[in-house]
Structures are given as structure tokens and as C-alpha cells.
Amino acid sequence: MASPCASGGPGPEPAQALLGLGGNLGDRAALIGRALERLGGLASTRLLAVSPAYDSDPVGPPGQATYLNLCAAVETGLAPAELLAAALGIEGELGRVRTVANGPRTCDIDLLFHSAAPRLDEPGLTLPHPRWRGRPFVVIPLGELLQLGALAAETRWDGLRAEIAALRAPATGLRPWTGPTPWARRPT
């Protein structure tokens, strides 16, 4: 008997990935908008949803400017390592220079979760992202992201929704972003 895929029936569920984006150098909103555009333009990838954005106090060396942070979901045919490599390439295109850990940056893209690899520990890539729980600038927008549009009905993220609800992350150091949101523009 032929498999459903071979007979033209439904194939496996496409993978989804959840990413955290942020930056504190240059035109933060424009840079994040460009990063989201590039992520959505990757091969076999489309942008599904973008969380509300937050201004957040810097973590790391003193004297840094405020960060702009948000989370995004993509549907992708890329494996986790491929998606991470593409994200790092986008960071580089947008002027990211890695000099100091947790230092200022034009754009940072973290792969937080990938539905095709719920648990992964390889050199340079751990899923889920090992520090997501301790970062309110990730936890709060991630919780909001999972309530948006089609993601709200996605059962694959039910465990993550429950974990976020149980964390009760404080919004310390976070303020809702009220500036421009170039990533929210819709074609006319």
C-alpha cells in the first residue's frame, strides 16, 4: 500500500520555528523589519506571525542603548542548523559584528524553538535556546506570539504555552514599543 505522500495525500506537517529578534544600534525598527523580510524570503520559508515589540533595558556591558525586541514565527523547510546559518548570515548583512558577549548590536536573531527538533544539542546549536526562560524580553513577546492568528490554534505549541504561563515572567525592564513597525506593513 502506498504512503499518503506517495499517493498525493497530505504529507508531513511543515516545520515551524520560533525566533527572537533584537537590536540596539542604528534604526532598530528598520533593521528588525529588514531582518523579518529576509527571514520570510528564505528558501522554503514564510513568515507566519510577529509579536508585539518591546523596548528593553540592556543586559551585558554597561552604557548600552535600549534594545528593541520581538519574537517571530516562520514555517520552514529548513533544518534547524540551516535556519540558524541563514539567520547568522542575515545578522551579518545587517551589520552585526561580534566583539563583546552581550554587547551592542544592530540585529540579533536567536533560534528559540524548531518543531522538527524539539530537543537538540549540537556544537553551536541547542534547542530549545538554553537561556530563553530567563529573558523577559523573550518570554513575554513569545507568549503573545503564540496567541496570534493561526498559531493560537497550533497544538504543537501547547506545552510551550503552558510553560510560559507557569513562568509568570516579570516585565521588569520592558516597555511596549510605540514607535514605527515597518514589519507590520501590509501590501496594498
N, C-alpha and C. Protein backbone atom coordinates (compact mmCIF):
# COMPACT_ATOMS: atom_id res chain seq x y z
N MET A 1 0.84 -1.17 0.00
CA MET A 1 0.00 0.00 0.00
C MET A 1 0.89 1.24 0.00
N ALA A 2 0.54 2.24 -0.81
CA ALA A 2 1.34 3.46 -0.92
C ALA A 2 1.11 4.35 0.29
N SER A 3 2.15 5.07 0.64
CA SER A 3 2.00 6.03 1.75
C SER A 3 1.15 7.20 1.29
N PRO A 4 0.56 7.96 2.22
CA PRO A 4 -0.24 9.11 1.84
C PRO A 4 0.54 10.11 0.98
N CYS A 5 1.83 10.27 1.26
CA CYS A 5 2.62 11.21 0.47
C CYS A 5 2.77 10.72 -0.96
N ALA A 6 3.03 9.43 -1.12
CA ALA A 6 3.23 8.88 -2.45
C ALA A 6 1.94 8.91 -3.26
N SER A 7 0.80 8.84 -2.61
CA SER A 7 -0.46 8.81 -3.33
C SER A 7 -1.03 10.21 -3.54
N GLY A 8 -0.28 11.23 -3.15
CA GLY A 8 -0.75 12.58 -3.34
C GLY A 8 -1.55 13.11 -2.15
N GLY A 9 -1.66 12.31 -1.10
CA GLY A 9 -2.38 12.74 0.10
C GLY A 9 -1.54 13.71 0.89
N PRO A 10 -2.03 14.09 2.05
CA PRO A 10 -1.29 15.06 2.84
C PRO A 10 0.06 14.51 3.29
N GLY A 11 1.05 15.36 3.24
CA GLY A 11 2.39 14.98 3.66
C GLY A 11 2.59 15.35 5.11
N PRO A 12 3.81 15.29 5.56
CA PRO A 12 4.09 15.65 6.95
C PRO A 12 3.79 17.14 7.18
N GLU A 13 3.47 17.44 8.41
CA GLU A 13 3.17 18.81 8.80
C GLU A 13 4.43 19.66 8.61
N PRO A 14 4.32 20.83 7.95
CA PRO A 14 5.52 21.66 7.79
C PRO A 14 6.07 22.08 9.15
N ALA A 15 7.37 22.23 9.22
CA ALA A 15 8.01 22.64 10.47
C ALA A 15 7.74 24.12 10.72
N GLN A 16 7.68 24.45 11.99
CA GLN A 16 7.60 25.85 12.40
C GLN A 16 8.79 26.13 13.31
N ALA A 17 9.27 27.36 13.23
CA ALA A 17 10.36 27.80 14.09
C ALA A 17 9.97 29.11 14.74
N LEU A 18 10.38 29.27 15.99
CA LEU A 18 10.13 30.48 16.74
C LEU A 18 11.47 31.15 16.99
N LEU A 19 11.54 32.44 16.69
CA LEU A 19 12.79 33.18 16.76
C LEU A 19 12.63 34.43 17.61
N GLY A 20 13.70 34.82 18.26
CA GLY A 20 13.75 36.09 18.97
C GLY A 20 14.64 37.05 18.21
N LEU A 21 14.19 38.28 18.03
CA LEU A 21 14.96 39.28 17.32
C LEU A 21 15.13 40.51 18.19
N GLY A 22 16.27 41.15 18.08
CA GLY A 22 16.51 42.37 18.84
C GLY A 22 17.71 43.11 18.33
N GLY A 23 17.85 44.34 18.80
CA GLY A 23 19.00 45.15 18.45
C GLY A 23 18.94 46.47 19.18
N ASN A 24 20.11 47.11 19.30
CA ASN A 24 20.15 48.39 19.99
C ASN A 24 21.05 49.41 19.30
N LEU A 25 21.45 49.16 18.08
CA LEU A 25 22.25 50.11 17.31
C LEU A 25 21.52 50.50 16.04
N GLY A 26 21.69 51.73 15.63
CA GLY A 26 21.09 52.19 14.39
C GLY A 26 19.59 52.34 14.51
N ASP A 27 18.91 52.32 13.37
CA ASP A 27 17.45 52.42 13.33
C ASP A 27 16.89 51.03 13.65
N ARG A 28 16.68 50.78 14.93
CA ARG A 28 16.31 49.43 15.41
C ARG A 28 15.09 48.87 14.69
N ALA A 29 14.04 49.66 14.56
CA ALA A 29 12.81 49.18 13.92
C ALA A 29 13.05 48.83 12.46
N ALA A 30 13.78 49.67 11.75
CA ALA A 30 14.05 49.40 10.33
C ALA A 30 14.90 48.14 10.17
N LEU A 31 15.89 47.98 11.04
CA LEU A 31 16.76 46.81 10.95
C LEU A 31 15.98 45.53 11.25
N ILE A 32 15.13 45.55 12.26
CA ILE A 32 14.32 44.37 12.55
C ILE A 32 13.34 44.11 11.41
N GLY A 33 12.77 45.16 10.84
CA GLY A 33 11.90 44.99 9.67
C GLY A 33 12.62 44.32 8.53
N ARG A 34 13.86 44.74 8.26
CA ARG A 34 14.64 44.13 7.19
C ARG A 34 14.98 42.68 7.52
N ALA A 35 15.28 42.40 8.79
CA ALA A 35 15.59 41.02 9.18
C ALA A 35 14.37 40.12 8.97
N LEU A 36 13.19 40.60 9.36
CA LEU A 36 11.97 39.80 9.18
C LEU A 36 11.68 39.58 7.70
N GLU A 37 11.90 40.60 6.89
CA GLU A 37 11.69 40.47 5.45
C GLU A 37 12.62 39.40 4.87
N ARG A 38 13.87 39.42 5.29
CA ARG A 38 14.84 38.44 4.79
C ARG A 38 14.52 37.03 5.30
N LEU A 39 14.11 36.92 6.56
CA LEU A 39 13.71 35.60 7.07
C LEU A 39 12.56 35.03 6.26
N GLY A 40 11.55 35.85 5.99
CA GLY A 40 10.40 35.40 5.21
C GLY A 40 10.74 35.10 3.76
N GLY A 41 11.88 35.62 3.29
CA GLY A 41 12.30 35.38 1.92
C GLY A 41 13.27 34.22 1.75
N LEU A 42 13.60 33.54 2.84
CA LEU A 42 14.49 32.38 2.73
C LEU A 42 13.81 31.26 1.95
N ALA A 43 14.61 30.41 1.35
CA ALA A 43 14.08 29.27 0.60
C ALA A 43 13.15 28.44 1.49
N SER A 44 12.04 28.05 0.95
CA SER A 44 11.03 27.21 1.61
C SER A 44 10.64 27.71 3.00
N THR A 45 10.59 29.04 3.14
CA THR A 45 10.27 29.64 4.43
C THR A 45 9.29 30.78 4.22
N ARG A 46 8.33 30.89 5.14
CA ARG A 46 7.44 32.06 5.10
C ARG A 46 7.17 32.53 6.52
N LEU A 47 7.05 33.83 6.64
CA LEU A 47 6.78 34.46 7.93
C LEU A 47 5.32 34.22 8.27
N LEU A 48 5.07 33.69 9.48
CA LEU A 48 3.71 33.40 9.92
C LEU A 48 3.13 34.49 10.81
N ALA A 49 3.91 34.98 11.76
CA ALA A 49 3.40 35.96 12.71
C ALA A 49 4.56 36.66 13.40
N VAL A 50 4.27 37.88 13.87
CA VAL A 50 5.24 38.69 14.59
C VAL A 50 4.56 39.21 15.85
N SER A 51 5.24 39.06 16.98
CA SER A 51 4.70 39.52 18.26
C SER A 51 4.73 41.05 18.35
N PRO A 52 4.05 41.59 19.35
CA PRO A 52 4.29 42.99 19.67
C PRO A 52 5.75 43.17 20.07
N ALA A 53 6.25 44.39 19.88
CA ALA A 53 7.65 44.68 20.19
C ALA A 53 7.76 45.41 21.53
N TYR A 54 8.95 45.30 22.10
CA TYR A 54 9.23 45.92 23.39
C TYR A 54 10.57 46.63 23.38
N ASP A 55 10.60 47.79 24.02
CA ASP A 55 11.87 48.41 24.39
C ASP A 55 12.33 47.66 25.62
N SER A 56 13.59 47.30 25.68
CA SER A 56 14.06 46.58 26.86
C SER A 56 15.41 47.11 27.31
N ASP A 57 15.58 47.11 28.62
CA ASP A 57 16.84 47.53 29.19
C ASP A 57 17.94 46.57 28.75
N PRO A 58 19.15 47.06 28.51
CA PRO A 58 20.23 46.19 28.06
C PRO A 58 20.68 45.21 29.13
N VAL A 59 21.12 44.06 28.67
CA VAL A 59 21.75 43.05 29.51
C VAL A 59 23.17 42.92 29.00
N GLY A 60 24.13 43.06 29.87
CA GLY A 60 25.52 42.96 29.42
C GLY A 60 26.31 44.18 29.84
N PRO A 61 27.33 44.51 29.07
CA PRO A 61 28.21 45.62 29.45
C PRO A 61 27.42 46.92 29.68
N PRO A 62 27.83 47.72 30.66
CA PRO A 62 27.11 48.97 30.96
C PRO A 62 27.27 49.99 29.84
N GLY A 63 26.35 50.96 29.83
CA GLY A 63 26.44 52.05 28.88
C GLY A 63 25.79 51.78 27.53
N GLN A 64 25.10 50.67 27.40
CA GLN A 64 24.46 50.35 26.13
C GLN A 64 23.12 51.08 25.99
N ALA A 65 22.71 51.28 24.75
CA ALA A 65 21.41 51.85 24.45
C ALA A 65 20.32 50.79 24.67
N THR A 66 19.10 51.25 24.76
CA THR A 66 17.94 50.38 24.93
C THR A 66 17.79 49.47 23.71
N TYR A 67 17.35 48.25 23.95
CA TYR A 67 17.10 47.29 22.87
C TYR A 67 15.65 47.36 22.42
N LEU A 68 15.41 46.95 21.19
CA LEU A 68 14.08 46.70 20.68
C LEU A 68 14.02 45.19 20.46
N ASN A 69 13.02 44.51 21.05
CA ASN A 69 12.91 43.05 20.96
C ASN A 69 11.52 42.63 20.55
N LEU A 70 11.45 41.52 19.84
CA LEU A 70 10.19 40.88 19.50
C LEU A 70 10.47 39.43 19.16
N CYS A 71 9.40 38.65 18.97
CA CYS A 71 9.53 37.26 18.53
C CYS A 71 8.75 37.08 17.24
N ALA A 72 9.16 36.10 16.46
CA ALA A 72 8.50 35.82 15.18
C ALA A 72 8.41 34.31 14.98
N ALA A 73 7.42 33.92 14.20
CA ALA A 73 7.24 32.52 13.83
C ALA A 73 7.35 32.40 12.32
N VAL A 74 8.05 31.36 11.88
CA VAL A 74 8.13 31.05 10.46
C VAL A 74 7.74 29.59 10.24
N GLU A 75 7.21 29.34 9.07
CA GLU A 75 7.03 27.96 8.60
C GLU A 75 8.21 27.73 7.66
N THR A 76 8.88 26.60 7.82
CA THR A 76 10.12 26.42 7.06
C THR A 76 10.39 24.97 6.69
N GLY A 77 11.01 24.80 5.56
CA GLY A 77 11.53 23.51 5.15
C GLY A 77 13.00 23.36 5.52
N LEU A 78 13.57 24.40 6.13
CA LEU A 78 14.98 24.36 6.52
C LEU A 78 15.15 23.60 7.82
N ALA A 79 16.18 22.80 7.88
CA ALA A 79 16.54 22.12 9.12
C ALA A 79 17.03 23.17 10.11
N PRO A 80 17.03 22.86 11.41
CA PRO A 80 17.47 23.85 12.39
C PRO A 80 18.84 24.47 12.10
N ALA A 81 19.84 23.66 11.77
CA ALA A 81 21.18 24.20 11.51
C ALA A 81 21.17 25.10 10.28
N GLU A 82 20.38 24.76 9.27
CA GLU A 82 20.28 25.60 8.07
C GLU A 82 19.62 26.94 8.40
N LEU A 83 18.56 26.89 9.20
CA LEU A 83 17.86 28.12 9.56
C LEU A 83 18.77 29.01 10.41
N LEU A 84 19.49 28.43 11.35
CA LEU A 84 20.42 29.21 12.17
C LEU A 84 21.51 29.83 11.30
N ALA A 85 22.07 29.08 10.38
CA ALA A 85 23.11 29.62 9.50
C ALA A 85 22.56 30.79 8.67
N ALA A 86 21.34 30.64 8.19
CA ALA A 86 20.72 31.73 7.42
C ALA A 86 20.50 32.96 8.31
N ALA A 87 20.06 32.74 9.55
CA ALA A 87 19.85 33.85 10.48
C ALA A 87 21.15 34.58 10.77
N LEU A 88 22.22 33.83 10.98
CA LEU A 88 23.52 34.45 11.22
C LEU A 88 23.99 35.24 10.00
N GLY A 89 23.69 34.73 8.82
CA GLY A 89 24.02 35.46 7.59
C GLY A 89 23.25 36.77 7.49
N ILE A 90 21.97 36.75 7.88
CA ILE A 90 21.16 37.97 7.88
C ILE A 90 21.74 38.97 8.88
N GLU A 91 22.11 38.50 10.07
CA GLU A 91 22.74 39.39 11.05
C GLU A 91 23.96 40.09 10.43
N GLY A 92 24.80 39.33 9.75
CA GLY A 92 25.99 39.89 9.13
C GLY A 92 25.65 40.91 8.05
N GLU A 93 24.65 40.60 7.22
CA GLU A 93 24.21 41.55 6.19
C GLU A 93 23.74 42.86 6.79
N LEU A 94 23.17 42.79 7.99
CA LEU A 94 22.64 43.98 8.65
C LEU A 94 23.66 44.66 9.56
N GLY A 95 24.92 44.26 9.45
CA GLY A 95 25.99 44.95 10.15
C GLY A 95 26.37 44.42 11.51
N ARG A 96 25.89 43.24 11.87
CA ARG A 96 26.23 42.67 13.17
C ARG A 96 27.70 42.32 13.21
N VAL A 97 28.38 42.82 14.23
CA VAL A 97 29.79 42.50 14.46
C VAL A 97 29.87 41.94 15.87
N ARG A 98 30.43 40.75 16.01
CA ARG A 98 30.55 40.10 17.32
C ARG A 98 31.92 40.42 17.90
N THR A 99 31.91 41.31 18.91
CA THR A 99 33.16 41.67 19.56
C THR A 99 33.12 41.37 21.04
N VAL A 100 32.02 41.71 21.71
CA VAL A 100 31.88 41.53 23.16
C VAL A 100 30.60 40.75 23.42
N ALA A 101 30.67 39.73 24.27
CA ALA A 101 29.47 38.97 24.61
C ALA A 101 28.42 39.91 25.20
N ASN A 102 27.20 39.78 24.72
CA ASN A 102 26.07 40.62 25.15
C ASN A 102 26.31 42.09 24.90
N GLY A 103 27.18 42.40 23.94
CA GLY A 103 27.47 43.78 23.61
C GLY A 103 26.46 44.36 22.63
N PRO A 104 26.60 45.64 22.32
CA PRO A 104 25.69 46.29 21.39
C PRO A 104 25.69 45.59 20.04
N ARG A 105 24.54 45.66 19.37
CA ARG A 105 24.42 45.00 18.06
C ARG A 105 23.32 45.65 17.23
N THR A 106 23.51 45.57 15.93
CA THR A 106 22.49 46.09 15.01
C THR A 106 21.29 45.14 14.97
N CYS A 107 21.57 43.85 14.96
CA CYS A 107 20.50 42.86 14.87
C CYS A 107 20.98 41.53 15.42
N ASP A 108 20.16 40.95 16.25
CA ASP A 108 20.43 39.63 16.82
C ASP A 108 19.23 38.75 16.50
N ILE A 109 19.47 37.58 15.97
CA ILE A 109 18.38 36.64 15.68
C ILE A 109 18.71 35.33 16.38
N ASP A 110 17.90 34.98 17.36
CA ASP A 110 18.08 33.72 18.08
C ASP A 110 17.04 32.71 17.65
N LEU A 111 17.48 31.51 17.31
CA LEU A 111 16.57 30.40 17.06
C LEU A 111 16.19 29.83 18.41
N LEU A 112 14.93 30.01 18.79
CA LEU A 112 14.47 29.60 20.11
C LEU A 112 13.94 28.18 20.12
N PHE A 113 13.09 27.86 19.13
CA PHE A 113 12.44 26.55 19.03
C PHE A 113 12.30 26.19 17.57
N HIS A 114 12.34 24.88 17.28
CA HIS A 114 12.10 24.37 15.91
C HIS A 114 11.29 23.10 16.08
N SER A 115 10.10 23.06 15.50
CA SER A 115 9.20 21.92 15.73
C SER A 115 9.75 20.61 15.19
N ALA A 116 10.67 20.65 14.23
CA ALA A 116 11.24 19.40 13.70
C ALA A 116 12.33 18.84 14.62
N ALA A 117 12.77 19.65 15.57
CA ALA A 117 13.81 19.21 16.51
C ALA A 117 13.54 19.84 17.87
N PRO A 118 12.54 19.32 18.58
CA PRO A 118 12.19 19.92 19.87
C PRO A 118 13.36 19.94 20.86
N ARG A 119 14.22 18.94 20.79
CA ARG A 119 15.41 18.87 21.65
C ARG A 119 16.60 18.57 20.75
N LEU A 120 17.61 19.43 20.86
CA LEU A 120 18.79 19.27 20.02
C LEU A 120 19.98 19.84 20.78
N ASP A 121 21.08 19.12 20.76
CA ASP A 121 22.30 19.61 21.40
C ASP A 121 23.47 19.25 20.50
N GLU A 122 23.83 20.22 19.66
CA GLU A 122 24.95 20.06 18.73
C GLU A 122 25.92 21.21 18.96
N PRO A 123 27.14 21.08 18.51
CA PRO A 123 28.05 22.22 18.63
C PRO A 123 27.46 23.45 17.93
N GLY A 124 27.31 24.53 18.67
CA GLY A 124 26.79 25.77 18.10
C GLY A 124 25.28 25.88 18.04
N LEU A 125 24.54 24.83 18.44
CA LEU A 125 23.08 24.89 18.36
C LEU A 125 22.46 24.00 19.43
N THR A 126 21.74 24.63 20.34
CA THR A 126 20.99 23.91 21.35
C THR A 126 19.54 24.36 21.26
N LEU A 127 18.64 23.40 21.20
CA LEU A 127 17.20 23.69 21.18
C LEU A 127 16.52 22.91 22.28
N PRO A 128 15.58 23.55 22.96
CA PRO A 128 15.28 24.97 22.88
C PRO A 128 16.48 25.80 23.27
N HIS A 129 16.42 27.09 22.88
CA HIS A 129 17.51 28.01 23.23
C HIS A 129 17.73 27.92 24.74
N PRO A 130 18.95 27.73 25.19
CA PRO A 130 19.19 27.45 26.62
C PRO A 130 18.88 28.59 27.58
N ARG A 131 18.78 29.82 27.11
CA ARG A 131 18.57 30.94 28.04
C ARG A 131 17.22 31.64 27.86
N TRP A 132 16.30 31.07 27.08
CA TRP A 132 15.06 31.78 26.80
C TRP A 132 14.24 32.04 28.06
N ARG A 133 14.19 31.10 28.99
CA ARG A 133 13.34 31.23 30.19
C ARG A 133 13.75 32.40 31.08
N GLY A 134 15.01 32.75 31.10
CA GLY A 134 15.49 33.81 31.97
C GLY A 134 15.49 35.20 31.34
N ARG A 135 14.86 35.32 30.20
CA ARG A 135 14.87 36.59 29.49
C ARG A 135 13.45 37.11 29.29
N PRO A 136 12.99 38.02 30.13
CA PRO A 136 11.64 38.56 29.94
C PRO A 136 11.41 39.14 28.55
N PHE A 137 12.48 39.69 27.94
CA PHE A 137 12.34 40.26 26.60
C PHE A 137 12.11 39.18 25.53
N VAL A 138 12.23 37.92 25.91
CA VAL A 138 11.86 36.79 25.05
C VAL A 138 10.55 36.19 25.54
N VAL A 139 10.45 35.90 26.82
CA VAL A 139 9.29 35.19 27.37
C VAL A 139 7.98 35.93 27.08
N ILE A 140 7.95 37.23 27.34
CA ILE A 140 6.70 37.97 27.19
C ILE A 140 6.27 38.07 25.72
N PRO A 141 7.14 38.51 24.79
CA PRO A 141 6.69 38.52 23.40
C PRO A 141 6.42 37.12 22.84
N LEU A 142 7.14 36.11 23.32
CA LEU A 142 6.90 34.74 22.85
C LEU A 142 5.51 34.27 23.26
N GLY A 143 5.13 34.56 24.50
CA GLY A 143 3.78 34.21 24.94
C GLY A 143 2.71 34.90 24.11
N GLU A 144 2.94 36.16 23.77
CA GLU A 144 1.99 36.89 22.95
C GLU A 144 1.96 36.35 21.52
N LEU A 145 3.12 35.99 20.99
CA LEU A 145 3.21 35.44 19.64
C LEU A 145 2.35 34.19 19.51
N LEU A 146 2.41 33.32 20.50
CA LEU A 146 1.69 32.05 20.44
C LEU A 146 0.17 32.21 20.54
N GLN A 147 -0.30 33.42 20.80
CA GLN A 147 -1.74 33.69 20.85
C GLN A 147 -2.25 34.33 19.56
N LEU A 148 -1.38 34.55 18.58
CA LEU A 148 -1.75 35.27 17.36
C LEU A 148 -2.21 34.34 16.25
N GLY A 149 -3.26 34.76 15.55
CA GLY A 149 -3.70 34.12 14.32
C GLY A 149 -3.71 32.61 14.37
N ALA A 150 -3.16 32.01 13.32
CA ALA A 150 -3.14 30.55 13.20
C ALA A 150 -2.31 29.89 14.29
N LEU A 151 -1.34 30.59 14.85
CA LEU A 151 -0.52 30.00 15.91
C LEU A 151 -1.35 29.68 17.14
N ALA A 152 -2.39 30.46 17.39
CA ALA A 152 -3.23 30.25 18.58
C ALA A 152 -3.89 28.87 18.56
N ALA A 153 -4.12 28.32 17.37
CA ALA A 153 -4.75 27.00 17.25
C ALA A 153 -3.75 25.87 17.08
N GLU A 154 -2.47 26.19 17.04
CA GLU A 154 -1.42 25.18 16.84
C GLU A 154 -1.21 24.37 18.11
N THR A 155 -1.61 23.13 18.09
CA THR A 155 -1.45 22.28 19.28
C THR A 155 0.01 21.92 19.55
N ARG A 156 0.86 21.99 18.52
CA ARG A 156 2.28 21.63 18.73
C ARG A 156 2.95 22.54 19.75
N TRP A 157 2.38 23.73 20.00
CA TRP A 157 2.98 24.67 20.95
C TRP A 157 2.24 24.72 22.28
N ASP A 158 1.30 23.80 22.51
CA ASP A 158 0.54 23.81 23.76
C ASP A 158 1.43 23.67 25.00
N GLY A 159 2.40 22.79 24.95
CA GLY A 159 3.31 22.61 26.09
C GLY A 159 4.11 23.87 26.37
N LEU A 160 4.54 24.55 25.32
CA LEU A 160 5.30 25.79 25.48
C LEU A 160 4.39 26.88 26.07
N ARG A 161 3.15 26.97 25.59
CA ARG A 161 2.22 27.95 26.16
C ARG A 161 2.05 27.73 27.66
N ALA A 162 1.90 26.48 28.06
CA ALA A 162 1.73 26.16 29.48
C ALA A 162 2.99 26.52 30.27
N GLU A 163 4.15 26.24 29.70
CA GLU A 163 5.40 26.57 30.39
C GLU A 163 5.55 28.09 30.56
N ILE A 164 5.22 28.84 29.53
CA ILE A 164 5.30 30.30 29.61
C ILE A 164 4.34 30.82 30.67
N ALA A 165 3.12 30.29 30.69
CA ALA A 165 2.13 30.73 31.69
C ALA A 165 2.63 30.43 33.11
N ALA A 166 3.30 29.30 33.29
CA ALA A 166 3.79 28.92 34.61
C ALA A 166 4.99 29.77 35.04
N LEU A 167 5.73 30.33 34.09
CA LEU A 167 6.90 31.12 34.43
C LEU A 167 6.54 32.44 35.11
N ARG A 168 5.42 33.00 34.73
CA ARG A 168 4.99 34.31 35.27
C ARG A 168 6.17 35.30 35.25
N ALA A 169 6.75 35.44 34.08
CA ALA A 169 7.93 36.31 33.93
C ALA A 169 7.58 37.76 34.25
N PRO A 170 8.41 38.39 35.06
CA PRO A 170 8.17 39.81 35.35
C PRO A 170 8.50 40.65 34.13
N ALA A 171 7.78 41.72 33.96
CA ALA A 171 8.02 42.62 32.83
C ALA A 171 9.05 43.68 33.19
N THR A 172 9.87 43.40 34.19
CA THR A 172 10.89 44.34 34.63
C THR A 172 11.81 44.70 33.47
N GLY A 173 11.99 46.00 33.26
CA GLY A 173 12.89 46.45 32.20
C GLY A 173 12.28 46.44 30.82
N LEU A 174 10.97 46.15 30.71
CA LEU A 174 10.30 46.12 29.41
C LEU A 174 9.24 47.20 29.33
N ARG A 175 9.14 47.81 28.15
CA ARG A 175 8.10 48.78 27.88
C ARG A 175 7.55 48.53 26.49
N PRO A 176 6.23 48.51 26.32
CA PRO A 176 5.69 48.30 24.97
C PRO A 176 6.25 49.33 23.99
N TRP A 177 6.63 48.87 22.83
CA TRP A 177 7.17 49.72 21.77
C TRP A 177 6.02 50.50 21.16
N THR A 178 6.18 51.81 21.06
CA THR A 178 5.15 52.65 20.47
C THR A 178 5.63 53.33 19.20
N GLY A 179 6.81 52.98 18.76
CA GLY A 179 7.38 53.59 17.56
C GLY A 179 6.88 52.90 16.30
N PRO A 180 7.55 53.19 15.18
CA PRO A 180 7.14 52.61 13.90
C PRO A 180 7.32 51.09 13.87
N THR A 181 6.46 50.43 13.14
CA THR A 181 6.54 48.97 13.00
C THR A 181 6.57 48.62 11.51
N PRO A 182 7.72 48.81 10.86
CA PRO A 182 7.80 48.53 9.42
C PRO A 182 7.47 47.08 9.08
N TRP A 183 7.63 46.17 10.02
CA TRP A 183 7.33 44.77 9.77
C TRP A 183 5.84 44.51 9.70
N ALA A 184 5.01 45.43 10.16
CA ALA A 184 3.56 45.23 10.17
C ALA A 184 2.91 45.78 8.91
N ARG A 185 3.65 46.42 8.05
CA ARG A 185 3.07 46.97 6.82
C ARG A 185 2.52 45.86 5.95
N ARG A 186 1.37 46.10 5.42
CA ARG A 186 0.73 45.13 4.52
C ARG A 186 0.75 45.71 3.11
N PRO A 187 1.00 44.87 2.10
CA PRO A 187 0.96 45.39 0.72
C PRO A 187 -0.45 45.88 0.39
N THR A 188 -0.53 46.94 -0.39
CA THR A 188 -1.84 47.47 -0.78
C THR A 188 -2.27 46.92 -2.11
